[in-house]
C-alpha atoms as a PDB file:
ATOM      1  CA  MET A   1      43.799  -0.130-103.023  1.00  0.00           C
ATOM      2  CA  GLY A   2      46.008  -2.652-102.624  1.00  0.00           C
ATOM      3  CA  ALA A   3      48.295  -4.005 -99.917  1.00  0.00           C
ATOM      4  CA  CYS A   4      51.523  -2.939-101.705  1.00  0.00           C
ATOM      5  CA  ARG A   5      50.271   0.277-102.257  1.00  0.00           C
ATOM      6  CA  ILE A   6      49.107   1.155 -98.675  1.00  0.00           C
ATOM      7  CA  GLU A   7      52.617  -0.658 -97.570  1.00  0.00           C
ATOM      8  CA  GLU A   8      54.545   2.107 -99.810  1.00  0.00           C
ATOM      9  CA  ARG A   9      52.534   4.912 -98.372  1.00  0.00           C
ATOM     10  CA  MET A  10      52.912   3.732 -94.584  1.00  0.00           C
ATOM     11  CA  THR A  11      56.762   3.662 -95.600  1.00  0.00           C
ATOM     12  CA  TYR A  12      56.588   7.125 -97.269  1.00  0.00           C
ATOM     13  CA  ALA A  13      54.804   8.419 -94.289  1.00  0.00           C
ATOM     14  CA  LEU A  14      57.247   7.401 -91.577  1.00  0.00           C
ATOM     15  CA  ARG A  15      60.441   8.387 -93.654  1.00  0.00           C
ATOM     16  CA  LEU A  16      59.093  12.029 -93.798  1.00  0.00           C
ATOM     17  CA  HIS A  17      58.204  11.866 -90.433  1.00  0.00           C
ATOM     18  CA  ASP A  18      61.671  10.664 -89.407  1.00  0.00           C
ATOM     19  CA  LEU A  19      62.814  13.797 -91.362  1.00  0.00           C
ATOM     20  CA  GLY A  20      61.299  16.151 -89.214  1.00  0.00           C
ATOM     21  CA  VAL A  21      57.949  16.941 -91.433  1.00  0.00           C
ATOM     22  CA  SER A  22      55.043  17.455 -89.255  1.00  0.00           C
ATOM     23  CA  VAL A  23      52.396  14.655 -88.940  1.00  0.00           C
ATOM     24  CA  GLU A  24      49.494  17.528 -89.904  1.00  0.00           C
ATOM     25  CA  THR A  25      51.442  17.950 -93.193  1.00  0.00           C
ATOM     26  CA  ILE A  26      52.057  13.834 -93.960  1.00  0.00           C
ATOM     27  CA  CYS A  27      48.465  13.626 -93.053  1.00  0.00           C
ATOM     28  CA  ARG A  28      47.496  16.343 -95.865  1.00  0.00           C
ATOM     29  CA  LYS A  29      49.639  15.345 -98.463  1.00  0.00           C
ATOM     30  CA  LEU A  30      48.620  11.852 -98.504  1.00  0.00           C
ATOM     31  CA  GLY A  31      45.084  12.405 -97.465  1.00  0.00           C
ATOM     32  CA  ILE A  32      45.053  10.372 -94.013  1.00  0.00           C
ATOM     33  CA  SER A  33      43.668  10.784 -91.317  1.00  0.00           C
ATOM     34  CA  ARG A  34      46.048  11.360 -87.880  1.00  0.00           C
ATOM     35  CA  ARG A  35      44.299   8.434 -86.446  1.00  0.00           C
ATOM     36  CA  THR A  36      45.936   6.405 -89.847  1.00  0.00           C
ATOM     37  CA  PHE A  37      49.090   7.527 -89.328  1.00  0.00           C
ATOM     38  CA  TYR A  38      49.740   6.882 -85.859  1.00  0.00           C
ATOM     39  CA  VAL A  39      47.850   3.096 -86.470  1.00  0.00           C
ATOM     40  CA  TRP A  40      50.682   2.883 -89.160  1.00  0.00           C
ATOM     41  CA  LYS A  41      53.848   4.208 -86.888  1.00  0.00           C
ATOM     42  CA  GLY A  42      52.774   1.667 -84.318  1.00  0.00           C
ATOM     43  CA  LYS A  43      52.865  -1.142 -86.942  1.00  0.00           C
ATOM     44  CA  HIS A  44      56.108  -0.100 -87.806  1.00  0.00           C
ATOM     45  CA  ASP A  45      57.387   0.682 -84.018  1.00  0.00           C
ATOM     46  CA  THR A  46      56.239  -3.362 -83.224  1.00  0.00           C
ATOM     47  CA  ALA A  47      58.168  -4.819 -86.015  1.00  0.00           C
ATOM     48  CA  LEU A  48      60.982  -2.719 -85.496  1.00  0.00           C
ATOM     49  CA  MET A  49      61.078  -4.012 -81.818  1.00  0.00           C
ATOM     50  CA  ALA A  50      60.855  -7.868 -82.837  1.00  0.00           C
ATOM     51  CA  ARG A  51      63.489  -7.529 -85.101  1.00  0.00           C
ATOM     52  CA  LEU A  52      65.966  -5.406 -82.348  1.00  0.00           C
ATOM     53  CA  LYS A  53      64.882  -8.471 -79.617  1.00  0.00           C
ATOM     54  CA  VAL A  54      66.087 -11.054 -82.684  1.00  0.00           C
ATOM     55  CA  ILE A  55      69.035  -9.019 -83.331  1.00  0.00           C
ATOM     56  CA  GLU A  56      69.915  -8.582 -79.039  1.00  0.00           C
ATOM     57  CA  GLU A  57      68.921 -12.453 -78.897  1.00  0.00           C
ATOM     58  CA  GLU A  58      71.624 -13.729 -81.852  1.00  0.00           C
ATOM     59  CA  ASN A  59      74.381 -10.949 -80.487  1.00  0.00           C
ATOM     60  CA  GLN A  60      74.096 -12.404 -77.000  1.00  0.00           C
ATOM     61  CA  LYS A  61      75.133 -15.779 -78.415  1.00  0.00           C
ATOM     62  CA  LEU A  62      77.690 -14.678 -79.974  1.00  0.00           C
ATOM     63  CA  ARG A  63      79.025 -13.130 -77.135  1.00  0.00           C
ATOM     64  CA  GLN A  64      78.497 -16.074 -75.062  1.00  0.00           C
ATOM     65  CA  ASP A  65      80.384 -18.094 -78.085  1.00  0.00           C
ATOM     66  CA  ALA A  66      83.182 -15.940 -78.546  1.00  0.00           C
ATOM     67  CA  GLY A  67      83.905 -15.653 -74.467  1.00  0.00           C
ATOM     68  CA  ALA A  68      84.136 -19.286 -74.364  1.00  0.00           C
ATOM     69  CA  ALA A  69      86.894 -19.147 -77.516  1.00  0.00           C
ATOM     70  CA  ALA A  70      88.753 -16.621 -75.168  1.00  0.00           C
ATOM     71  CA  GLY A  71      89.544 -18.562 -73.026  1.00  0.00           C
ATOM     72  CA  THR A  72      91.772 -21.271 -74.772  1.00  0.00           C
ATOM     73  CA  GLU A  73      95.089 -20.960 -75.377  1.00  0.00           C
ATOM     74  CA  ARG A  74      94.877 -21.683 -79.237  1.00  0.00           C
ATOM     75  CA  THR A  75      92.213 -19.207 -80.111  1.00  0.00           C
ATOM     76  CA  HIS A  76      94.891 -17.278 -81.778  1.00  0.00           C
ATOM     77  CA  ALA A  77      96.991 -19.898 -83.540  1.00  0.00           C
ATOM     78  CA  ASP A  78      93.313 -21.545 -84.806  1.00  0.00           C
ATOM     79  CA  ILE A  79      92.744 -18.610 -87.216  1.00  0.00           C
ATOM     80  CA  PRO A  80      93.647 -19.713 -90.458  1.00  0.00           C
ATOM     81  CA  GLY A  81      96.212 -16.849 -92.387  1.00  0.00           C
ATOM     82  CA  THR A  82      97.628 -15.900 -89.018  1.00  0.00           C
ATOM     83  CA  ASP A  83     101.192 -16.838 -88.104  1.00  0.00           C
ATOM     84  CA  TYR A  84     101.475 -16.304 -84.535  1.00  0.00           C
ATOM     85  CA  GLY A  85     103.622 -19.162 -83.801  1.00  0.00           C
ATOM     86  CA  ASP A  86     103.497 -21.132 -80.398  1.00  0.00           C
ATOM     87  CA  ILE A  87     101.637 -18.882 -77.892  1.00  0.00           C
ATOM     88  CA  THR A  88     101.935 -21.208 -74.805  1.00  0.00           C
ATOM     89  CA  GLN A  89     105.497 -20.257 -74.662  1.00  0.00           C
END
């Protein structure tokens, strides 16, 4: 069985589990062992955590950049398409 087919089965199994289908039912329908299911779940959880970490780092950087810009007097005046006029008065 090709790697692509295994990935499809793994994704299908995990989606069923997220929908509330029991592990026993999933394993019986797909013809896999409980151990295989939990190995797949572990790989999936690890990949999600890695993606979450990257997203959190990007958000932190954006917040820092936005915080640095928020202290300037021209923050709103620098936004194209806005008519805030002179905000220093």
